[in-house]
Every structure is written in structure tokens, then in C-alpha cells.
Amino acid sequence: MIVDSFGWIEWLTEGELADKYADYLRSPEKLITPVIVTYEVYKKLKQILSEEFALRVVAKFHETKIIPLTADLALLAPDVSLKWKLPMADAFVYATALSEKCPVVTFDPHFERLRQVIIPKKNDRK
């Protein structure tokens, strides 16, 4: 399972939707992290909190299965982007999900019409 960048950031900063992601993030060994998620989370946390905190989070990502950017993903992501009209980062996340045959947990509206996507309800306990 992949949790998108927004989910990680919400959870780590105790944002408004943190509890919607909490259950998905409790077992990092079951998670898959596309390298672009590492980039986005590190950048945002460094910007809003500190480099030290951002580095600690990136170290925690090593408990997940990190998927590097490969030539295959670099060719699949543009196809995904064109087919579903996804921005670059979302296309890499979704291409990784397709490649790894796993769902993406997200509130991002770009993903609403895609399969293999879990969009928690805002009024759910999860």
C-alpha cells in the first residue's frame, strides 16, 4: 500500500486529516514509498518545520519498501499522466502503484476516478 505525500505530511504534522491516515501508517513495514513521495515529504517538512525533523522522517521511510525511479517507471508515468491527466508527481505515484499492484491511500481529487485507490471518507473513524 502507498500513502501519498499529503497523507504523510498530514499525519506527521498532526493536521486536520491526520487521523484518517493513522491506521494506514502504523505498520511501515507494510508500506511502499515511491521515491517521489520521499522527495515531496522531505521538501515540505524541511520548509515548514526543520531539516532535522525532515531527515528523521526520511530515515523512518527506510522501514518501508522504497521504490526508486527506474527506466520502466520513467516510461510508464508519462503514459499514466496522459491517460488520466495527472500531474507528474501523481503520475509517478500511480505508476508505482500499478507496477507494484498495490492501492494508493489519498484524499487527492486527481485519484478519485482511478482504480486501486482508497479515499477514506472524511467522516469515517479511519
N, C-alpha and C. Protein backbone atom coordinates (compact mmCIF):
# COMPACT_ATOMS: atom_id res chain seq x y z
N MET A 1 0.83 -1.17 0.00
CA MET A 1 0.00 0.00 0.00
C MET A 1 0.89 1.24 0.00
N ILE A 2 0.48 2.23 -0.78
CA ILE A 2 1.18 3.52 -0.84
C ILE A 2 0.31 4.57 -0.16
N VAL A 3 0.91 5.34 0.72
CA VAL A 3 0.26 6.53 1.27
C VAL A 3 0.89 7.72 0.56
N ASP A 4 0.04 8.59 0.02
CA ASP A 4 0.57 9.72 -0.74
C ASP A 4 1.28 10.73 0.16
N SER A 5 1.98 11.65 -0.46
CA SER A 5 2.76 12.66 0.27
C SER A 5 1.90 13.46 1.24
N PHE A 6 0.73 13.87 0.78
CA PHE A 6 -0.17 14.65 1.63
C PHE A 6 -0.51 13.88 2.90
N GLY A 7 -0.76 12.58 2.77
CA GLY A 7 -1.09 11.75 3.93
C GLY A 7 0.04 11.72 4.95
N TRP A 8 1.25 11.52 4.47
CA TRP A 8 2.40 11.52 5.37
C TRP A 8 2.53 12.86 6.08
N ILE A 9 2.41 13.94 5.31
CA ILE A 9 2.57 15.28 5.89
C ILE A 9 1.47 15.58 6.89
N GLU A 10 0.23 15.23 6.56
CA GLU A 10 -0.88 15.44 7.50
C GLU A 10 -0.63 14.69 8.80
N TRP A 11 -0.22 13.44 8.68
CA TRP A 11 -0.01 12.60 9.86
C TRP A 11 1.15 13.11 10.70
N LEU A 12 2.24 13.45 10.05
CA LEU A 12 3.44 13.88 10.77
C LEU A 12 3.29 15.26 11.41
N THR A 13 2.44 16.10 10.84
CA THR A 13 2.24 17.44 11.39
C THR A 13 0.95 17.55 12.20
N GLU A 14 0.31 16.39 12.42
CA GLU A 14 -0.95 16.34 13.16
C GLU A 14 -1.98 17.28 12.56
N GLY A 15 -2.08 17.23 11.23
CA GLY A 15 -3.03 18.05 10.50
C GLY A 15 -4.46 17.60 10.71
N GLU A 16 -5.37 18.33 10.11
CA GLU A 16 -6.81 18.09 10.27
C GLU A 16 -7.22 16.68 9.88
N LEU A 17 -6.56 16.10 8.90
CA LEU A 17 -6.93 14.76 8.41
C LEU A 17 -5.96 13.68 8.88
N ALA A 18 -5.13 13.98 9.85
CA ALA A 18 -4.12 13.02 10.33
C ALA A 18 -4.74 11.70 10.76
N ASP A 19 -5.86 11.76 11.45
CA ASP A 19 -6.48 10.52 11.94
C ASP A 19 -6.98 9.64 10.81
N LYS A 20 -7.27 10.21 9.65
CA LYS A 20 -7.73 9.42 8.50
C LYS A 20 -6.60 8.57 7.91
N TYR A 21 -5.38 9.00 8.14
CA TYR A 21 -4.21 8.28 7.63
C TYR A 21 -3.54 7.40 8.69
N ALA A 22 -3.82 7.64 9.95
CA ALA A 22 -3.09 7.00 11.05
C ALA A 22 -3.07 5.48 10.94
N ASP A 23 -4.22 4.87 10.72
CA ASP A 23 -4.27 3.41 10.67
C ASP A 23 -3.43 2.84 9.53
N TYR A 24 -3.34 3.57 8.45
CA TYR A 24 -2.56 3.11 7.29
C TYR A 24 -1.06 3.24 7.53
N LEU A 25 -0.67 4.13 8.42
CA LEU A 25 0.75 4.42 8.64
C LEU A 25 1.34 3.73 9.86
N ARG A 26 0.53 3.02 10.61
CA ARG A 26 1.01 2.37 11.84
C ARG A 26 1.99 1.22 11.60
N SER A 27 1.93 0.61 10.43
CA SER A 27 2.80 -0.53 10.12
C SER A 27 3.66 -0.20 8.90
N PRO A 28 4.73 0.56 9.09
CA PRO A 28 5.53 0.99 7.94
C PRO A 28 6.11 -0.16 7.12
N GLU A 29 6.34 -1.30 7.75
CA GLU A 29 6.91 -2.43 7.02
C GLU A 29 5.95 -2.95 5.94
N LYS A 30 4.68 -2.57 6.01
CA LYS A 30 3.69 -2.99 5.00
C LYS A 30 3.51 -1.95 3.90
N LEU A 31 4.22 -0.84 4.01
CA LEU A 31 4.04 0.27 3.07
C LEU A 31 5.09 0.28 1.97
N ILE A 32 4.68 0.83 0.85
CA ILE A 32 5.56 1.07 -0.28
C ILE A 32 5.67 2.58 -0.43
N THR A 33 6.89 3.07 -0.59
CA THR A 33 7.11 4.51 -0.71
C THR A 33 7.83 4.81 -2.02
N PRO A 34 7.11 5.39 -2.99
CA PRO A 34 7.80 5.85 -4.20
C PRO A 34 8.81 6.94 -3.84
N VAL A 35 9.93 6.94 -4.49
CA VAL A 35 10.98 7.91 -4.17
C VAL A 35 10.47 9.35 -4.31
N ILE A 36 9.52 9.59 -5.18
CA ILE A 36 8.99 10.95 -5.33
C ILE A 36 8.23 11.39 -4.08
N VAL A 37 7.64 10.44 -3.35
CA VAL A 37 6.99 10.76 -2.07
C VAL A 37 8.06 11.18 -1.06
N THR A 38 9.17 10.48 -1.06
CA THR A 38 10.28 10.87 -0.18
C THR A 38 10.70 12.31 -0.47
N TYR A 39 10.85 12.63 -1.73
CA TYR A 39 11.22 13.99 -2.15
C TYR A 39 10.21 15.02 -1.64
N GLU A 40 8.93 14.77 -1.93
CA GLU A 40 7.90 15.76 -1.57
C GLU A 40 7.77 15.95 -0.06
N VAL A 41 7.80 14.85 0.68
CA VAL A 41 7.66 14.93 2.14
C VAL A 41 8.88 15.63 2.74
N TYR A 42 10.07 15.24 2.32
CA TYR A 42 11.28 15.88 2.84
C TYR A 42 11.26 17.38 2.57
N LYS A 43 10.97 17.75 1.35
CA LYS A 43 10.96 19.17 0.96
C LYS A 43 9.97 19.97 1.81
N LYS A 44 8.75 19.45 1.93
CA LYS A 44 7.71 20.18 2.67
C LYS A 44 8.04 20.28 4.16
N LEU A 45 8.48 19.17 4.76
CA LEU A 45 8.80 19.20 6.19
C LEU A 45 10.00 20.09 6.48
N LYS A 46 10.97 20.09 5.60
CA LYS A 46 12.13 20.98 5.77
C LYS A 46 11.68 22.44 5.69
N GLN A 47 10.76 22.71 4.79
CA GLN A 47 10.25 24.07 4.59
C GLN A 47 9.43 24.55 5.78
N ILE A 48 8.52 23.70 6.29
CA ILE A 48 7.60 24.18 7.33
C ILE A 48 8.07 23.88 8.75
N LEU A 49 8.96 22.91 8.92
CA LEU A 49 9.43 22.56 10.27
C LEU A 49 10.94 22.76 10.37
N SER A 50 11.69 21.72 10.03
CA SER A 50 13.15 21.85 10.11
C SER A 50 13.81 20.73 9.30
N GLU A 51 15.06 20.97 8.95
CA GLU A 51 15.82 19.95 8.24
C GLU A 51 16.02 18.72 9.12
N GLU A 52 16.28 18.94 10.39
CA GLU A 52 16.49 17.84 11.33
C GLU A 52 15.26 16.92 11.38
N PHE A 53 14.08 17.51 11.51
CA PHE A 53 12.85 16.71 11.55
C PHE A 53 12.65 15.98 10.22
N ALA A 54 12.86 16.68 9.12
CA ALA A 54 12.69 16.08 7.80
C ALA A 54 13.63 14.89 7.60
N LEU A 55 14.86 15.02 8.06
CA LEU A 55 15.82 13.91 7.95
C LEU A 55 15.41 12.72 8.81
N ARG A 56 14.86 12.96 9.99
CA ARG A 56 14.37 11.86 10.84
C ARG A 56 13.23 11.11 10.15
N VAL A 57 12.36 11.85 9.49
CA VAL A 57 11.25 11.22 8.77
C VAL A 57 11.78 10.37 7.62
N VAL A 58 12.70 10.91 6.85
CA VAL A 58 13.27 10.16 5.73
C VAL A 58 13.94 8.88 6.23
N ALA A 59 14.58 8.95 7.37
CA ALA A 59 15.18 7.74 7.96
C ALA A 59 14.09 6.72 8.27
N LYS A 60 12.94 7.18 8.73
CA LYS A 60 11.80 6.29 9.03
C LYS A 60 11.28 5.63 7.76
N PHE A 61 11.38 6.33 6.62
CA PHE A 61 10.93 5.75 5.36
C PHE A 61 11.68 4.47 5.03
N HIS A 62 12.88 4.30 5.56
CA HIS A 62 13.65 3.09 5.27
C HIS A 62 13.03 1.85 5.92
N GLU A 63 12.03 2.04 6.78
CA GLU A 63 11.26 0.91 7.30
C GLU A 63 10.21 0.46 6.29
N THR A 64 9.96 1.28 5.28
CA THR A 64 9.03 0.92 4.22
C THR A 64 9.84 0.37 3.05
N LYS A 65 9.14 -0.12 2.05
CA LYS A 65 9.81 -0.56 0.82
C LYS A 65 9.89 0.65 -0.10
N ILE A 66 11.07 1.22 -0.25
CA ILE A 66 11.25 2.39 -1.10
C ILE A 66 11.45 1.94 -2.55
N ILE A 67 10.64 2.52 -3.43
CA ILE A 67 10.73 2.18 -4.85
C ILE A 67 11.46 3.30 -5.58
N PRO A 68 12.63 3.01 -6.13
CA PRO A 68 13.39 4.05 -6.83
C PRO A 68 12.76 4.38 -8.18
N LEU A 69 13.19 5.47 -8.73
CA LEU A 69 12.78 5.84 -10.09
C LEU A 69 13.61 4.99 -11.05
N THR A 70 12.92 4.16 -11.79
CA THR A 70 13.59 3.29 -12.75
C THR A 70 13.24 3.73 -14.17
N ALA A 71 13.93 3.18 -15.13
CA ALA A 71 13.62 3.49 -16.53
C ALA A 71 12.20 3.05 -16.87
N ASP A 72 11.78 1.91 -16.35
CA ASP A 72 10.41 1.43 -16.61
C ASP A 72 9.37 2.40 -16.06
N LEU A 73 9.58 2.87 -14.82
CA LEU A 73 8.64 3.84 -14.24
C LEU A 73 8.69 5.16 -14.99
N ALA A 74 9.87 5.55 -15.45
CA ALA A 74 10.01 6.80 -16.19
C ALA A 74 9.26 6.76 -17.52
N LEU A 75 9.02 5.57 -18.05
CA LEU A 75 8.23 5.42 -19.28
C LEU A 75 6.76 5.19 -18.99
N LEU A 76 6.45 4.53 -17.88
CA LEU A 76 5.06 4.28 -17.52
C LEU A 76 4.36 5.55 -17.01
N ALA A 77 5.05 6.34 -16.22
CA ALA A 77 4.43 7.53 -15.61
C ALA A 77 3.89 8.52 -16.65
N PRO A 78 4.60 8.83 -17.73
CA PRO A 78 4.02 9.74 -18.72
C PRO A 78 2.76 9.17 -19.37
N ASP A 79 2.75 7.85 -19.61
CA ASP A 79 1.54 7.23 -20.17
C ASP A 79 0.37 7.37 -19.21
N VAL A 80 0.64 7.14 -17.93
CA VAL A 80 -0.39 7.30 -16.89
C VAL A 80 -0.85 8.76 -16.84
N SER A 81 0.09 9.67 -16.91
CA SER A 81 -0.22 11.10 -16.87
C SER A 81 -1.12 11.50 -18.04
N LEU A 82 -0.77 11.04 -19.23
CA LEU A 82 -1.56 11.38 -20.42
C LEU A 82 -2.95 10.75 -20.37
N LYS A 83 -3.01 9.50 -19.96
CA LYS A 83 -4.31 8.80 -19.93
C LYS A 83 -5.25 9.40 -18.90
N TRP A 84 -4.74 9.70 -17.71
CA TRP A 84 -5.59 10.14 -16.61
C TRP A 84 -5.45 11.63 -16.29
N LYS A 85 -4.65 12.34 -17.08
CA LYS A 85 -4.44 13.78 -16.88
C LYS A 85 -3.94 14.10 -15.47
N LEU A 86 -2.92 13.35 -15.06
CA LEU A 86 -2.33 13.52 -13.74
C LEU A 86 -1.09 14.39 -13.80
N PRO A 87 -0.87 15.23 -12.78
CA PRO A 87 0.41 15.94 -12.68
C PRO A 87 1.56 14.94 -12.51
N MET A 88 2.77 15.39 -12.75
CA MET A 88 3.93 14.49 -12.76
C MET A 88 4.06 13.65 -11.49
N ALA A 89 4.07 14.27 -10.33
CA ALA A 89 4.27 13.51 -9.09
C ALA A 89 3.17 12.47 -8.89
N ASP A 90 1.92 12.86 -9.14
CA ASP A 90 0.80 11.91 -9.01
C ASP A 90 0.94 10.77 -10.01
N ALA A 91 1.41 11.08 -11.20
CA ALA A 91 1.60 10.04 -12.21
C ALA A 91 2.65 9.03 -11.76
N PHE A 92 3.73 9.50 -11.14
CA PHE A 92 4.75 8.57 -10.64
C PHE A 92 4.21 7.74 -9.48
N VAL A 93 3.42 8.34 -8.62
CA VAL A 93 2.83 7.59 -7.50
C VAL A 93 1.90 6.51 -8.05
N TYR A 94 1.03 6.88 -8.99
CA TYR A 94 0.08 5.91 -9.53
C TYR A 94 0.78 4.85 -10.38
N ALA A 95 1.77 5.24 -11.15
CA ALA A 95 2.54 4.27 -11.93
C ALA A 95 3.22 3.26 -11.00
N THR A 96 3.72 3.73 -9.88
CA THR A 96 4.33 2.83 -8.90
C THR A 96 3.29 1.88 -8.34
N ALA A 97 2.10 2.39 -8.04
CA ALA A 97 1.02 1.53 -7.53
C ALA A 97 0.66 0.46 -8.55
N LEU A 98 0.55 0.83 -9.80
CA LEU A 98 0.24 -0.15 -10.84
C LEU A 98 1.35 -1.18 -10.97
N SER A 99 2.58 -0.72 -10.96
CA SER A 99 3.74 -1.60 -11.08
C SER A 99 3.84 -2.57 -9.91
N GLU A 100 3.56 -2.07 -8.72
CA GLU A 100 3.66 -2.89 -7.50
C GLU A 100 2.36 -3.62 -7.17
N LYS A 101 1.31 -3.35 -7.95
CA LYS A 101 -0.01 -3.96 -7.75
C LYS A 101 -0.53 -3.71 -6.33
N CYS A 102 -0.54 -2.45 -5.96
CA CYS A 102 -1.00 -2.08 -4.62
C CYS A 102 -1.85 -0.81 -4.69
N PRO A 103 -2.70 -0.59 -3.69
CA PRO A 103 -3.53 0.62 -3.69
C PRO A 103 -2.77 1.85 -3.21
N VAL A 104 -3.34 3.01 -3.54
CA VAL A 104 -2.86 4.30 -3.05
C VAL A 104 -3.91 4.84 -2.09
N VAL A 105 -3.50 5.27 -0.92
CA VAL A 105 -4.39 5.92 0.04
C VAL A 105 -4.19 7.42 -0.11
N THR A 106 -5.28 8.12 -0.44
CA THR A 106 -5.15 9.55 -0.72
C THR A 106 -6.50 10.26 -0.64
N PHE A 107 -6.45 11.55 -0.36
CA PHE A 107 -7.61 12.42 -0.50
C PHE A 107 -7.51 13.27 -1.76
N ASP A 108 -6.45 13.10 -2.52
CA ASP A 108 -6.21 13.90 -3.72
C ASP A 108 -7.31 13.65 -4.75
N PRO A 109 -8.03 14.69 -5.16
CA PRO A 109 -9.12 14.51 -6.13
C PRO A 109 -8.66 14.01 -7.49
N HIS A 110 -7.37 14.16 -7.82
CA HIS A 110 -6.87 13.62 -9.09
C HIS A 110 -7.03 12.11 -9.17
N PHE A 111 -7.09 11.45 -8.01
CA PHE A 111 -7.13 9.99 -7.96
C PHE A 111 -8.55 9.43 -7.89
N GLU A 112 -9.55 10.27 -7.74
CA GLU A 112 -10.92 9.81 -7.48
C GLU A 112 -11.44 8.81 -8.50
N ARG A 113 -11.11 8.97 -9.75
CA ARG A 113 -11.67 8.12 -10.80
C ARG A 113 -10.80 6.91 -11.13
N LEU A 114 -9.75 6.70 -10.39
CA LEU A 114 -8.81 5.63 -10.69
C LEU A 114 -9.06 4.39 -9.85
N ARG A 115 -8.72 3.25 -10.39
CA ARG A 115 -8.84 2.01 -9.61
C ARG A 115 -7.60 1.87 -8.73
N GLN A 116 -7.65 0.95 -7.81
CA GLN A 116 -6.55 0.72 -6.86
C GLN A 116 -6.30 1.94 -5.98
N VAL A 117 -7.36 2.68 -5.67
CA VAL A 117 -7.24 3.88 -4.85
C VAL A 117 -8.20 3.78 -3.67
N ILE A 118 -7.70 4.11 -2.49
CA ILE A 118 -8.52 4.17 -1.28
C ILE A 118 -8.63 5.64 -0.89
N ILE A 119 -9.85 6.15 -0.91
CA ILE A 119 -10.09 7.52 -0.47
C ILE A 119 -10.94 7.43 0.80
N PRO A 120 -10.30 7.59 1.96
CA PRO A 120 -11.07 7.49 3.21
C PRO A 120 -12.14 8.58 3.25
N LYS A 121 -13.28 8.21 3.80
CA LYS A 121 -14.33 9.20 3.96
C LYS A 121 -13.96 10.13 5.09
N LYS A 122 -14.24 11.40 4.92
CA LYS A 122 -13.86 12.38 5.93
C LYS A 122 -14.60 12.16 7.25
N ASN A 123 -15.76 11.52 7.20
CA ASN A 123 -16.48 11.27 8.45
C ASN A 123 -16.25 9.87 8.99
N ASP A 124 -15.38 9.09 8.32
CA ASP A 124 -15.00 7.77 8.84
C ASP A 124 -14.11 7.92 10.06
N ARG A 125 -14.08 6.90 10.89
CA ARG A 125 -13.15 6.90 12.02
C ARG A 125 -11.73 6.65 11.54
N LYS A 126 -11.59 5.97 10.44
CA LYS A 126 -10.27 5.63 9.89
C LYS A 126 -9.66 6.80 9.20
